[in-house]
Amino acid sequence: MNSTPNNTPNTTPNNTPLTTSHSVSLSVGQEAMKVAWQIDPRQWTNIIPVPLAVDGDLDPGRLRHAVDRLGTAFPQLRGRVTGSPGSHRLDWGDAPPIPVTEITSHLARDEAVRLAWQTPFDLGAGPLARVQLLTGPDWKVLLLTLHHIVADGASVLLLLDALRRAYAGEPVDVPDDPRALQAHALRSVRLAEDTDGERHRAYWAAELGTGITPLTLPAIPADPPRPTMLSDVLPDDLVSGLRHRAETSGVSYVTTLMAGYYALLRRHTGASDVLSFLPFHGRTLEETRQQVGYFVNLLPVRARVSATDTYTDVMRRLRGRVKSALAHGDLPLPTIMRSAGLVGPQARELTHRSIFQYWHAGLRDGLDVMDLRLDAPGSHAVLSLQDIESTAGFTLAVMVREDSAGTHVLWKDPAGALGEPLLKALATDYQDILWTVADDPGTPVAEILSNPASGAVSGTGPADPAHTDDDALATMTGLWQDVLGIDDVRPQDSFFELGGHSLLAESLIIEVSRRFGREVDLSVLFSLPRLAEFTEHVVGPRP
């Protein structure tokens, strides 16, 4: 590997190497995932399943060899997270190969796939990718599962193309210099903490800092709640009409689809101020364009949709809101939320209600995810991508996927908080709205259908604070507020949900040890992240 350029520092301030032949620093977004995993190692929010239905015969030995070549070409997939707060790294030195296993199941296909991909990864041990060949009574699925800390949606296309080539015995030509990952990680830290990100932080503070109200959908959850996913394909004539309408209206096809979605949220919630998230590819550095890694960033896009608006108004307004968000989209999401004062579980309940994901799965030349051919002498199989269940921790997640089979719309209720009846109503009404957009975008937006207060989704109540001496709790509250840079920290609040990360955690522990006159281990904060329970551990329970 070439040495680090002369104008790039070789170490961090604590003399940790920035880039080695087998490790790189974590970005701000990756650090947030590491913290989330430490809090709950069993969570699967950041796991990406890529299920591919198999038609034909796969040679297991050749598959293992092809996956080994992927692990060589993209060694970060075999990695693990090492280091300590302030110097966490993704390290693949002496890492084992990506595991490939064969599983026979008597379950229905979707249930077997879900059981397989929801098995959590161990970030401290790795590898952070696995491949499973699942076989049922009348189905077969090749399941590639990745942890988000090493991959994103664009990475999936790169990996599938590389798998196809490796299986056929062709060269897998990929970038092999980890400095692209390192440059992205360091840039994310500069934007989050230094003057480089000041204008971005100011934009998001102004955009999100006041007036946000939660989107309350009229939920009809099952008892007990169960995850629900509905898949739909837009008719070809509707897609043609929407593309034509987008062109004549001076907006993109994606904006047209988003405008229909925002109008749908207005219709079912009654909200005129609509907030939903949009994934941004984040590959703004040239060297990251063809790199496997985690670069994506989620952006909160806020737009007004009033009863007097036409669909044309909504499309054009949303185009402007998305353009502005993308112009400030390099600021990592944890910093976006903190800049706007949106930290803690209450803020998450306020904002993380909806995400609109658009994934063009046909962007890579020569790769058809619905007709992915794994060919080799004596072995021939055709793979087709199935619905991807994963979400980013939102109440409602909608994924629009473009590929050779058309425009797919996947409606996800991952926690079962909304219920299948509402999900079906949303899917039906969305198509109705899109038909109106295609036929007559001068029509006023659809009327409100229901009382948003009835059956509204409610968040879980706050935990009861631990019984702690009032003076000690007040002192600890002050320390948390100083370290986090926020006001109004409450006993049930979690340090990490308030925007804390490993560096801030280390600073807090130093201050706590000094103020209370006793040594406190950093691991205590990770195991007891809420203010009251952490304080109780430090000073002891009230007698």
Protein backbone atom coordinates (compact mmCIF):
# COMPACT_ATOMS: atom_id res chain seq x y z
CA MET A 1 0.00 0.00 0.00
CA ASN A 2 1.27 3.50 -0.74
CA SER A 3 2.34 5.58 2.22
CA THR A 4 0.09 8.30 3.61
CA PRO A 5 0.51 11.59 1.68
CA ASN A 6 2.91 14.10 3.23
CA ASN A 7 0.15 16.67 3.87
CA THR A 8 -1.83 14.19 5.96
CA PRO A 9 -0.89 13.68 9.63
CA ASN A 10 0.33 10.17 10.41
CA THR A 11 -1.18 9.98 13.88
CA THR A 12 -4.02 11.28 16.01
CA PRO A 13 -3.23 13.57 18.97
CA ASN A 14 -2.86 10.50 21.23
CA ASN A 15 -0.31 9.03 18.75
CA THR A 16 -2.70 6.39 17.37
CA PRO A 17 -1.88 5.74 13.67
CA LEU A 18 -4.54 7.17 11.36
CA THR A 19 -4.26 4.52 8.69
CA THR A 20 -2.51 1.17 8.67
CA SER A 21 -2.59 -1.64 6.17
CA HIS A 22 -5.31 -3.30 8.25
CA SER A 23 -7.21 -0.64 10.22
CA VAL A 24 -8.90 2.76 10.00
CA SER A 25 -10.60 5.14 12.44
CA LEU A 26 -14.37 5.10 12.89
CA SER A 27 -16.46 7.94 11.47
CA VAL A 28 -18.95 9.81 13.66
CA GLY A 29 -21.79 7.68 12.29
CA GLN A 30 -19.88 4.46 12.89
CA GLU A 31 -19.05 5.59 16.42
CA ALA A 32 -22.78 6.09 17.07
CA MET A 33 -23.45 2.53 15.91
CA LYS A 34 -20.67 1.24 18.19
CA VAL A 35 -22.29 3.01 21.15
CA ALA A 36 -25.74 1.65 20.22
CA TRP A 37 -24.30 -1.86 20.10
CA GLN A 38 -22.60 -1.45 23.48
CA ILE A 39 -25.92 -0.43 25.01
CA ASP A 40 -27.79 -3.34 23.41
CA PRO A 41 -25.59 -5.99 21.72
CA ARG A 42 -28.71 -7.95 20.71
CA GLN A 43 -30.28 -5.16 18.66
CA TRP A 44 -30.58 -5.62 14.90
CA THR A 45 -31.45 -2.06 13.78
CA ASN A 46 -28.11 -1.68 11.99
CA ILE A 47 -28.09 -5.05 10.22
CA ILE A 48 -28.58 -5.17 6.43
CA PRO A 49 -30.02 -8.41 5.00
CA VAL A 50 -29.69 -9.05 1.26
CA PRO A 51 -31.87 -12.10 0.45
CA LEU A 52 -31.62 -13.53 -3.07
CA ALA A 53 -33.98 -16.27 -4.25
CA VAL A 54 -32.04 -19.03 -6.01
CA ASP A 55 -33.22 -20.77 -9.17
CA GLY A 56 -30.82 -23.47 -10.29
CA ASP A 57 -27.79 -25.10 -8.72
CA LEU A 58 -25.10 -23.41 -6.68
CA ASP A 59 -21.79 -25.17 -6.07
CA PRO A 60 -21.17 -24.73 -2.30
CA GLY A 61 -17.42 -25.13 -2.70
CA ARG A 62 -17.22 -22.56 -5.46
CA LEU A 63 -19.46 -20.24 -3.43
CA ARG A 64 -17.10 -20.48 -0.46
CA HIS A 65 -14.14 -19.74 -2.70
CA ALA A 66 -15.94 -16.72 -4.20
CA VAL A 67 -16.82 -15.38 -0.74
CA ASP A 68 -13.20 -15.82 0.35
CA ARG A 69 -12.18 -13.64 -2.59
CA LEU A 70 -14.70 -11.01 -1.47
CA GLY A 71 -13.14 -11.09 1.98
CA THR A 72 -9.73 -10.52 0.41
CA ALA A 73 -10.92 -7.73 -1.88
CA PHE A 74 -12.97 -6.03 0.87
CA PRO A 75 -11.12 -7.00 4.06
CA GLN A 76 -13.07 -4.55 6.22
CA LEU A 77 -16.02 -6.97 6.01
CA ARG A 78 -13.94 -9.40 8.07
CA GLY A 79 -13.08 -6.71 10.59
CA ARG A 80 -13.95 -5.95 14.19
CA VAL A 81 -14.06 -2.78 16.25
CA THR A 82 -11.03 -2.38 18.50
CA GLY A 83 -9.49 0.30 20.68
CA SER A 84 -10.83 2.43 23.48
CA PRO A 85 -13.00 5.58 23.69
CA GLY A 86 -11.42 8.25 21.55
CA SER A 87 -9.45 5.78 19.45
CA HIS A 88 -11.91 3.14 18.23
CA ARG A 89 -10.87 1.55 14.97
CA LEU A 90 -12.16 -0.89 12.39
CA ASP A 91 -9.40 -3.51 12.30
CA TRP A 92 -9.10 -6.53 10.02
CA GLY A 93 -5.59 -7.66 10.90
CA ASP A 94 -5.43 -11.47 11.23
CA ALA A 95 -9.22 -11.59 10.73
CA PRO A 96 -10.90 -14.91 9.92
CA PRO A 97 -12.68 -15.42 6.58
CA ILE A 98 -16.31 -14.44 6.02
CA PRO A 99 -18.33 -17.45 7.22
CA VAL A 100 -20.41 -19.40 4.70
CA THR A 101 -22.94 -21.84 6.12
CA GLU A 102 -25.64 -24.12 4.69
CA ILE A 103 -28.94 -24.36 6.59
CA THR A 104 -31.92 -26.60 5.93
CA SER A 105 -35.18 -25.25 7.32
CA HIS A 106 -38.77 -26.46 7.56
CA LEU A 107 -40.05 -22.91 8.08
CA ALA A 108 -41.72 -20.70 5.50
CA ARG A 109 -39.16 -18.80 3.44
CA ASP A 110 -39.68 -15.32 4.91
CA GLU A 111 -39.71 -16.60 8.47
CA ALA A 112 -36.49 -18.58 7.96
CA VAL A 113 -34.76 -15.60 6.33
CA ARG A 114 -35.87 -13.30 9.16
CA LEU A 115 -34.61 -15.71 11.80
CA ALA A 116 -31.23 -15.90 10.04
CA TRP A 117 -30.57 -12.20 9.42
CA GLN A 118 -31.76 -11.01 12.83
CA THR A 119 -28.96 -12.94 14.53
CA PRO A 120 -26.78 -10.09 15.88
CA PHE A 121 -23.13 -9.48 15.06
CA ASP A 122 -20.42 -9.18 17.70
CA LEU A 123 -18.70 -5.91 16.82
CA GLY A 124 -15.83 -6.69 19.13
CA ALA A 125 -15.06 -10.05 17.53
CA GLY A 126 -16.17 -9.85 13.88
CA PRO A 127 -16.43 -10.74 11.09
CA LEU A 128 -19.11 -8.17 10.22
CA ALA A 129 -20.49 -10.05 7.22
CA ARG A 130 -21.80 -13.57 6.71
CA VAL A 131 -23.23 -15.66 3.89
CA GLN A 132 -25.86 -18.37 4.36
CA LEU A 133 -27.39 -20.75 1.86
CA LEU A 134 -30.89 -21.46 3.20
CA THR A 135 -32.92 -24.37 1.79
CA GLY A 136 -36.60 -25.04 2.53
CA PRO A 137 -39.17 -27.52 1.25
CA ASP A 138 -39.78 -25.61 -1.99
CA TRP A 139 -37.42 -22.65 -1.86
CA LYS A 140 -33.74 -21.71 -1.70
CA VAL A 141 -32.25 -18.36 -0.68
CA LEU A 142 -28.70 -17.03 -0.72
CA LEU A 143 -28.57 -14.58 2.19
CA LEU A 144 -25.80 -11.99 2.42
CA THR A 145 -25.97 -10.23 5.81
CA LEU A 146 -23.87 -7.16 6.61
CA HIS A 147 -23.50 -4.88 9.58
CA HIS A 148 -24.17 -1.28 8.58
CA ILE A 149 -20.88 -0.22 10.17
CA VAL A 150 -19.03 -1.69 7.16
CA ALA A 151 -21.50 -1.26 4.29
CA ASP A 152 -24.41 0.74 2.83
CA GLY A 153 -26.83 0.44 -0.10
CA ALA A 154 -24.26 1.39 -2.74
CA SER A 155 -21.89 -1.16 -1.22
CA VAL A 156 -24.46 -3.91 -1.77
CA LEU A 157 -24.35 -3.38 -5.55
CA LEU A 158 -20.53 -3.42 -5.54
CA LEU A 159 -20.51 -6.64 -3.52
CA LEU A 160 -23.08 -8.44 -5.66
CA ASP A 161 -21.14 -7.55 -8.82
CA ALA A 162 -17.92 -8.76 -7.20
CA LEU A 163 -19.61 -12.00 -6.09
CA ARG A 164 -20.80 -12.64 -9.64
CA ARG A 165 -17.28 -12.13 -11.00
CA ALA A 166 -15.59 -14.17 -8.28
CA TYR A 167 -17.97 -17.11 -8.75
CA ALA A 168 -17.21 -17.15 -12.47
CA GLY A 169 -13.47 -17.04 -11.79
CA GLU A 170 -13.09 -13.53 -13.21
CA PRO A 171 -10.84 -10.83 -11.70
CA VAL A 172 -12.39 -8.70 -8.96
CA ASP A 173 -10.96 -5.24 -9.61
CA VAL A 174 -11.58 -2.98 -6.61
CA PRO A 175 -9.85 -0.14 -4.75
CA ASP A 176 -7.46 -1.61 -2.19
CA ASP A 177 -6.39 1.52 -0.31
CA PRO A 178 -8.05 2.05 3.09
CA ARG A 179 -7.21 5.75 3.00
CA ALA A 180 -10.59 6.42 1.35
CA LEU A 181 -12.31 5.09 4.48
CA GLN A 182 -9.92 7.01 6.71
CA ALA A 183 -10.41 10.30 4.85
CA HIS A 184 -14.19 10.00 5.18
CA ALA A 185 -13.92 9.23 8.91
CA LEU A 186 -11.65 12.18 9.65
CA ARG A 187 -13.78 14.53 7.59
CA SER A 188 -16.90 13.51 9.52
CA VAL A 189 -15.15 14.35 12.80
CA ARG A 190 -13.98 17.75 11.50
CA LEU A 191 -17.48 18.62 10.34
CA ALA A 192 -18.96 17.52 13.66
CA GLU A 193 -16.51 19.32 15.92
CA ASP A 194 -14.48 21.99 14.11
CA THR A 195 -15.10 25.21 12.20
CA ASP A 196 -15.43 23.20 8.97
CA GLY A 197 -18.99 22.29 9.97
CA GLU A 198 -20.17 25.63 11.42
CA ARG A 199 -22.40 26.61 8.51
CA HIS A 200 -23.92 23.12 8.38
CA ARG A 201 -24.62 23.12 12.11
CA ALA A 202 -26.20 26.57 11.86
CA TYR A 203 -28.44 25.44 8.99
CA TRP A 204 -29.78 22.42 10.86
CA ALA A 205 -30.27 24.39 14.06
CA ALA A 206 -32.46 26.87 12.16
CA GLU A 207 -34.24 24.15 10.19
CA LEU A 208 -35.14 21.85 13.07
CA GLY A 209 -34.69 23.85 16.23
CA THR A 210 -38.31 24.89 16.82
CA GLY A 211 -41.91 23.92 16.23
CA ILE A 212 -41.63 20.22 15.41
CA THR A 213 -44.63 18.10 16.35
CA PRO A 214 -44.76 14.30 16.02
CA LEU A 215 -46.58 12.64 13.15
CA THR A 216 -49.37 10.68 14.82
CA LEU A 217 -50.80 8.05 12.50
CA PRO A 218 -54.14 6.39 13.40
CA ALA A 219 -52.60 3.06 14.38
CA ILE A 220 -54.48 -0.23 14.68
CA PRO A 221 -51.76 -2.54 16.03
CA ALA A 222 -52.28 -6.25 16.55
CA ASP A 223 -52.41 -7.66 20.07
CA PRO A 224 -49.66 -8.54 20.69
CA PRO A 225 -47.93 -6.20 18.18
CA ARG A 226 -46.12 -7.95 15.37
CA PRO A 227 -43.80 -6.65 12.64
CA THR A 228 -45.54 -6.18 9.30
CA MET A 229 -44.21 -5.70 5.78
CA LEU A 230 -46.27 -5.15 2.62
CA SER A 231 -44.82 -5.18 -0.88
CA ASP A 232 -46.29 -3.42 -3.90
CA VAL A 233 -45.24 -2.78 -7.51
CA LEU A 234 -46.33 0.39 -9.26
CA PRO A 235 -48.10 -0.28 -12.60
CA ASP A 236 -45.97 0.49 -15.65
CA ASP A 237 -48.45 3.07 -16.99
CA LEU A 238 -48.42 4.88 -13.63
CA VAL A 239 -44.61 4.96 -13.65
CA SER A 240 -44.62 6.33 -17.21
CA GLY A 241 -47.15 8.99 -16.24
CA LEU A 242 -45.14 10.03 -13.18
CA ARG A 243 -41.91 10.28 -15.16
CA HIS A 244 -43.64 12.46 -17.73
CA ARG A 245 -45.17 14.61 -15.01
CA ALA A 246 -41.79 15.01 -13.32
CA GLU A 247 -40.24 16.20 -16.58
CA THR A 248 -42.99 18.72 -17.34
CA SER A 249 -42.96 20.00 -13.75
CA GLY A 250 -39.19 20.49 -13.68
CA VAL A 251 -38.55 18.05 -10.83
CA SER A 252 -36.98 14.60 -10.56
CA TYR A 253 -38.89 11.33 -10.56
CA VAL A 254 -37.76 10.74 -6.97
CA THR A 255 -39.14 14.13 -5.92
CA THR A 256 -42.47 13.25 -7.50
CA LEU A 257 -42.62 10.02 -5.49
CA MET A 258 -41.63 11.87 -2.31
CA ALA A 259 -44.25 14.57 -2.88
CA GLY A 260 -46.91 11.88 -3.06
CA TYR A 261 -45.60 10.43 0.19
CA TYR A 262 -45.62 13.78 2.00
CA ALA A 263 -49.17 14.39 0.80
CA LEU A 264 -50.07 10.92 2.10
CA LEU A 265 -48.65 11.75 5.54
CA ARG A 266 -50.62 15.01 5.52
CA ARG A 267 -53.76 13.09 4.64
CA HIS A 268 -53.43 10.49 7.41
CA THR A 269 -52.02 12.66 10.21
CA GLY A 270 -53.59 16.06 9.59
CA ALA A 271 -50.15 17.64 9.97
CA SER A 272 -49.28 20.62 7.80
CA ASP A 273 -45.64 20.52 8.95
CA VAL A 274 -44.32 17.16 7.77
CA LEU A 275 -40.93 15.75 8.76
CA SER A 276 -39.52 12.58 7.24
CA PHE A 277 -35.99 11.30 6.73
CA LEU A 278 -34.22 10.70 3.43
CA PRO A 279 -30.97 8.69 3.02
CA PHE A 280 -28.14 10.65 1.35
CA HIS A 281 -25.43 8.57 -0.33
CA GLY A 282 -22.68 10.56 1.44
CA ARG A 283 -20.04 9.65 -1.17
CA THR A 284 -18.99 13.24 -1.79
CA LEU A 285 -15.27 12.45 -1.85
CA GLU A 286 -14.23 11.16 -5.27
CA GLU A 287 -12.21 8.28 -3.83
CA THR A 288 -15.28 6.89 -2.03
CA ARG A 289 -17.48 6.49 -5.13
CA GLN A 290 -16.52 2.86 -5.81
CA GLN A 291 -15.59 1.90 -2.26
CA VAL A 292 -17.36 -0.59 -0.02
CA GLY A 293 -18.02 1.05 3.33
CA TYR A 294 -20.44 3.05 5.43
CA PHE A 295 -20.90 6.49 3.88
CA VAL A 296 -24.68 7.01 3.85
CA ASN A 297 -26.22 9.73 6.03
CA LEU A 298 -29.87 10.17 7.02
CA LEU A 299 -31.24 13.67 6.49
CA PRO A 300 -34.41 15.06 8.12
CA VAL A 301 -36.42 16.83 5.39
CA ARG A 302 -39.11 19.17 6.69
CA ALA A 303 -41.79 20.62 4.39
CA ARG A 304 -45.14 22.34 4.79
CA VAL A 305 -48.15 20.77 3.06
CA SER A 306 -51.29 22.88 3.44
CA ALA A 307 -54.88 22.29 2.38
CA THR A 308 -54.59 24.99 -0.29
CA ASP A 309 -51.54 23.45 -1.96
CA THR A 310 -51.74 21.63 -5.25
CA TYR A 311 -49.55 18.61 -5.90
CA THR A 312 -47.42 20.81 -8.16
CA ASP A 313 -46.86 23.15 -5.20
CA VAL A 314 -45.79 20.24 -3.02
CA MET A 315 -43.41 18.87 -5.65
CA ARG A 316 -41.68 22.19 -6.20
CA ARG A 317 -41.49 23.05 -2.52
CA LEU A 318 -40.10 19.62 -1.71
CA ARG A 319 -37.52 19.95 -4.47
CA GLY A 320 -36.20 23.06 -2.71
CA ARG A 321 -36.22 21.45 0.73
CA VAL A 322 -34.35 18.38 -0.50
CA LYS A 323 -31.81 20.52 -2.37
CA SER A 324 -31.12 22.53 0.78
CA ALA A 325 -30.81 19.41 2.91
CA LEU A 326 -28.37 17.81 0.47
CA ALA A 327 -26.25 20.97 0.45
CA HIS A 328 -25.73 20.40 4.17
CA GLY A 329 -25.88 16.62 4.04
CA ASP A 330 -22.27 15.87 4.96
CA LEU A 331 -22.89 16.76 8.60
CA PRO A 332 -23.31 13.42 10.43
CA LEU A 333 -26.84 12.75 11.68
CA PRO A 334 -25.86 12.61 15.40
CA THR A 335 -24.44 16.12 15.00
CA ILE A 336 -27.48 17.32 13.03
CA MET A 337 -29.77 16.29 15.87
CA ARG A 338 -27.54 17.74 18.53
CA SER A 339 -27.19 21.05 16.63
CA ALA A 340 -30.97 21.39 16.73
CA GLY A 341 -31.22 20.41 20.40
CA LEU A 342 -33.02 17.20 19.43
CA VAL A 343 -31.38 14.74 21.79
CA GLY A 344 -32.71 12.08 24.09
CA PRO A 345 -35.58 9.60 23.82
CA GLN A 346 -38.24 12.32 23.80
CA ALA A 347 -36.63 13.97 20.77
CA ARG A 348 -36.29 10.63 18.99
CA GLU A 349 -39.97 9.93 19.57
CA LEU A 350 -40.66 13.35 18.11
CA THR A 351 -38.58 12.96 14.96
CA HIS A 352 -38.05 9.29 14.08
CA ARG A 353 -41.56 8.52 12.87
CA SER A 354 -40.98 8.21 9.12
CA ILE A 355 -38.26 7.47 6.61
CA PHE A 356 -38.55 7.45 2.80
CA GLN A 357 -35.80 5.33 1.23
CA TYR A 358 -35.16 5.42 -2.52
CA TRP A 359 -32.71 2.88 -3.88
CA HIS A 360 -31.90 2.63 -7.57
CA ALA A 361 -30.66 -0.95 -7.72
CA GLY A 362 -29.99 -0.76 -11.45
CA LEU A 363 -27.24 1.85 -11.39
CA ARG A 364 -24.31 -0.52 -11.89
CA ASP A 365 -23.68 -1.49 -15.50
CA GLY A 366 -23.89 -5.21 -16.17
CA LEU A 367 -25.64 -5.97 -12.88
CA ASP A 368 -29.31 -6.94 -12.74
CA VAL A 369 -30.38 -7.69 -9.17
CA MET A 370 -33.48 -9.47 -10.48
CA ASP A 371 -31.44 -11.63 -12.85
CA LEU A 372 -28.06 -12.12 -11.19
CA ARG A 373 -26.37 -15.07 -12.85
CA LEU A 374 -23.79 -17.14 -11.01
CA ASP A 375 -22.21 -19.18 -13.78
CA ALA A 376 -19.28 -21.56 -13.71
CA PRO A 377 -18.44 -24.86 -15.38
CA GLY A 378 -21.00 -27.40 -14.16
CA SER A 379 -22.89 -24.80 -12.11
CA HIS A 380 -25.60 -22.36 -13.15
CA ALA A 381 -27.99 -20.39 -10.95
CA VAL A 382 -30.11 -17.27 -11.34
CA LEU A 383 -30.57 -15.08 -8.28
CA SER A 384 -33.29 -12.46 -7.80
CA LEU A 385 -33.34 -9.90 -5.01
CA GLN A 386 -36.18 -10.24 -2.52
CA ASP A 387 -37.67 -7.60 -0.24
CA ILE A 388 -35.19 -6.16 2.26
CA GLU A 389 -36.69 -6.00 5.73
CA SER A 390 -34.18 -3.89 7.62
CA THR A 391 -35.05 -0.42 8.91
CA ALA A 392 -33.20 2.37 10.65
CA GLY A 393 -35.28 2.44 13.81
CA PHE A 394 -38.31 4.35 12.48
CA THR A 395 -41.99 3.77 13.23
CA LEU A 396 -42.82 3.74 9.50
CA ALA A 397 -40.26 2.95 6.81
CA VAL A 398 -41.04 3.07 3.09
CA MET A 399 -38.49 1.75 0.59
CA VAL A 400 -38.91 2.50 -3.10
CA ARG A 401 -36.59 0.29 -5.17
CA GLU A 402 -35.92 0.64 -8.89
CA ASP A 403 -34.66 -2.36 -10.83
CA SER A 404 -35.32 -4.22 -14.08
CA ALA A 405 -38.67 -5.47 -12.74
CA GLY A 406 -40.01 -1.96 -12.16
CA THR A 407 -40.68 0.32 -9.19
CA HIS A 408 -41.23 -1.64 -5.97
CA VAL A 409 -42.73 0.00 -2.88
CA LEU A 410 -42.10 -1.78 0.42
CA TRP A 411 -44.09 -0.65 3.47
CA LYS A 412 -42.51 -1.60 6.81
CA ASP A 413 -43.92 -1.48 10.33
CA PRO A 414 -40.90 -3.00 12.09
CA ALA A 415 -42.14 -2.77 15.68
CA GLY A 416 -45.77 -3.60 14.93
CA ALA A 417 -46.75 -0.15 16.23
CA LEU A 418 -49.04 0.72 13.31
CA GLY A 419 -50.80 -2.51 12.39
CA GLU A 420 -51.53 -4.19 9.08
CA PRO A 421 -54.89 -2.38 8.43
CA LEU A 422 -53.18 1.02 8.50
CA LEU A 423 -50.27 -0.22 6.39
CA LYS A 424 -52.69 -1.51 3.74
CA ALA A 425 -54.60 1.79 3.79
CA LEU A 426 -51.37 3.76 3.33
CA ALA A 427 -50.28 1.58 0.39
CA THR A 428 -53.67 1.92 -1.34
CA ASP A 429 -53.97 5.67 -0.77
CA TYR A 430 -50.39 6.25 -1.92
CA GLN A 431 -51.16 4.78 -5.34
CA ASP A 432 -54.36 6.85 -5.54
CA ILE A 433 -52.39 10.01 -4.83
CA LEU A 434 -49.71 9.10 -7.39
CA TRP A 435 -52.39 8.58 -10.05
CA THR A 436 -53.70 12.08 -9.30
CA VAL A 437 -50.19 13.51 -9.54
CA ALA A 438 -49.69 11.83 -12.91
CA ASP A 439 -53.11 12.83 -14.29
CA ASP A 440 -53.69 16.32 -12.87
CA PRO A 441 -51.04 17.76 -10.54
CA GLY A 442 -53.04 20.98 -10.30
CA THR A 443 -55.49 19.17 -8.01
CA PRO A 444 -55.46 20.28 -4.35
CA VAL A 445 -53.81 17.79 -2.01
CA ALA A 446 -56.01 14.99 -0.72
CA GLU A 447 -58.33 15.73 2.16
CA ILE A 448 -57.58 14.52 5.68
CA LEU A 449 -59.05 11.06 6.12
CA SER A 450 -59.10 10.49 9.85
CA ASN A 451 -58.76 12.00 13.28
CA PRO A 452 -55.04 11.72 14.04
CA ALA A 453 -55.73 11.60 17.75
CA SER A 454 -57.63 8.31 17.59
CA GLY A 455 -55.36 5.33 18.03
CA ALA A 456 -52.27 7.53 17.91
CA VAL A 457 -48.96 5.82 18.41
CA SER A 458 -47.66 6.58 21.86
CA GLY A 459 -44.10 6.28 23.04
CA THR A 460 -43.11 4.28 26.04
CA GLY A 461 -43.31 6.17 29.29
CA PRO A 462 -40.18 7.34 31.07
CA ALA A 463 -38.48 5.00 33.43
CA ASP A 464 -38.87 5.68 37.12
CA PRO A 465 -35.81 7.50 38.43
CA ALA A 466 -33.69 5.61 40.91
CA HIS A 467 -33.85 6.76 44.53
CA THR A 468 -30.78 8.98 44.80
CA ASP A 469 -29.71 11.73 47.17
CA ASP A 470 -31.16 14.99 45.81
CA ASP A 471 -27.93 17.00 46.19
CA ALA A 472 -25.85 14.30 44.48
CA LEU A 473 -28.39 14.04 41.67
CA ALA A 474 -28.31 17.82 41.20
CA THR A 475 -24.51 17.80 41.09
CA MET A 476 -24.46 14.93 38.61
CA THR A 477 -27.10 16.65 36.47
CA GLY A 478 -24.88 19.72 36.27
CA LEU A 479 -21.91 17.63 35.17
CA TRP A 480 -23.94 15.93 32.45
CA GLN A 481 -25.26 19.26 31.18
CA ASP A 482 -21.74 20.75 31.08
CA VAL A 483 -20.21 17.77 29.24
CA LEU A 484 -23.12 17.35 26.79
CA GLY A 485 -23.60 21.09 26.28
CA ILE A 486 -27.38 20.94 26.80
CA ASP A 487 -29.93 22.00 29.40
CA ASP A 488 -32.85 20.19 31.00
CA VAL A 489 -31.33 16.76 31.61
CA ARG A 490 -33.80 14.62 33.53
CA PRO A 491 -33.20 11.61 35.83
CA GLN A 492 -34.57 9.07 33.31
CA ASP A 493 -32.51 10.41 30.38
CA SER A 494 -29.77 8.24 28.83
CA PHE A 495 -26.31 9.75 28.28
CA PHE A 496 -26.04 8.23 24.81
CA GLU A 497 -29.58 9.08 23.73
CA LEU A 498 -28.76 12.70 24.66
CA GLY A 499 -25.99 12.70 22.05
CA GLY A 500 -23.13 11.40 24.17
CA HIS A 501 -20.37 9.38 22.52
CA SER A 502 -17.17 7.71 23.67
CA LEU A 503 -15.07 10.89 23.81
CA LEU A 504 -17.70 12.73 25.87
CA ALA A 505 -18.15 9.64 28.06
CA GLU A 506 -14.44 9.68 28.88
CA SER A 507 -14.62 13.39 29.77
CA LEU A 508 -17.63 12.80 31.99
CA ILE A 509 -15.95 9.96 33.90
CA ILE A 510 -12.92 12.16 34.60
CA GLU A 511 -15.15 14.94 35.96
CA VAL A 512 -17.29 12.53 38.00
CA SER A 513 -14.21 10.92 39.58
CA ARG A 514 -12.80 14.34 40.45
CA ARG A 515 -16.05 15.82 41.81
CA PHE A 516 -17.18 12.79 43.84
CA GLY A 517 -13.69 11.75 44.97
CA ARG A 518 -13.89 8.14 43.81
CA GLU A 519 -12.71 6.21 40.78
CA VAL A 520 -15.51 5.28 38.38
CA ASP A 521 -14.90 2.86 35.52
CA LEU A 522 -16.01 3.91 32.04
CA SER A 523 -17.87 0.61 31.63
CA VAL A 524 -20.33 1.72 34.35
CA LEU A 525 -21.70 4.43 32.08
CA PHE A 526 -22.28 1.94 29.26
CA SER A 527 -24.07 -0.52 31.53
CA LEU A 528 -26.00 2.17 33.48
CA PRO A 529 -26.49 4.95 30.92
CA ARG A 530 -29.45 6.73 32.61
CA LEU A 531 -28.69 9.68 34.89
CA ALA A 532 -30.48 8.44 38.02
CA GLU A 533 -29.17 4.88 37.92
CA PHE A 534 -25.63 6.04 37.09
CA THR A 535 -25.73 8.52 40.00
CA GLU A 536 -27.02 5.83 42.35
CA HIS A 537 -24.07 3.61 41.43
CA VAL A 538 -21.62 6.44 42.07
CA VAL A 539 -23.00 7.67 45.42
CA GLY A 540 -25.08 4.70 46.61
CA PRO A 541 -28.88 4.47 47.06
CA ARG A 542 -30.80 6.73 49.41
CA PRO A 543 -31.05 5.10 52.84
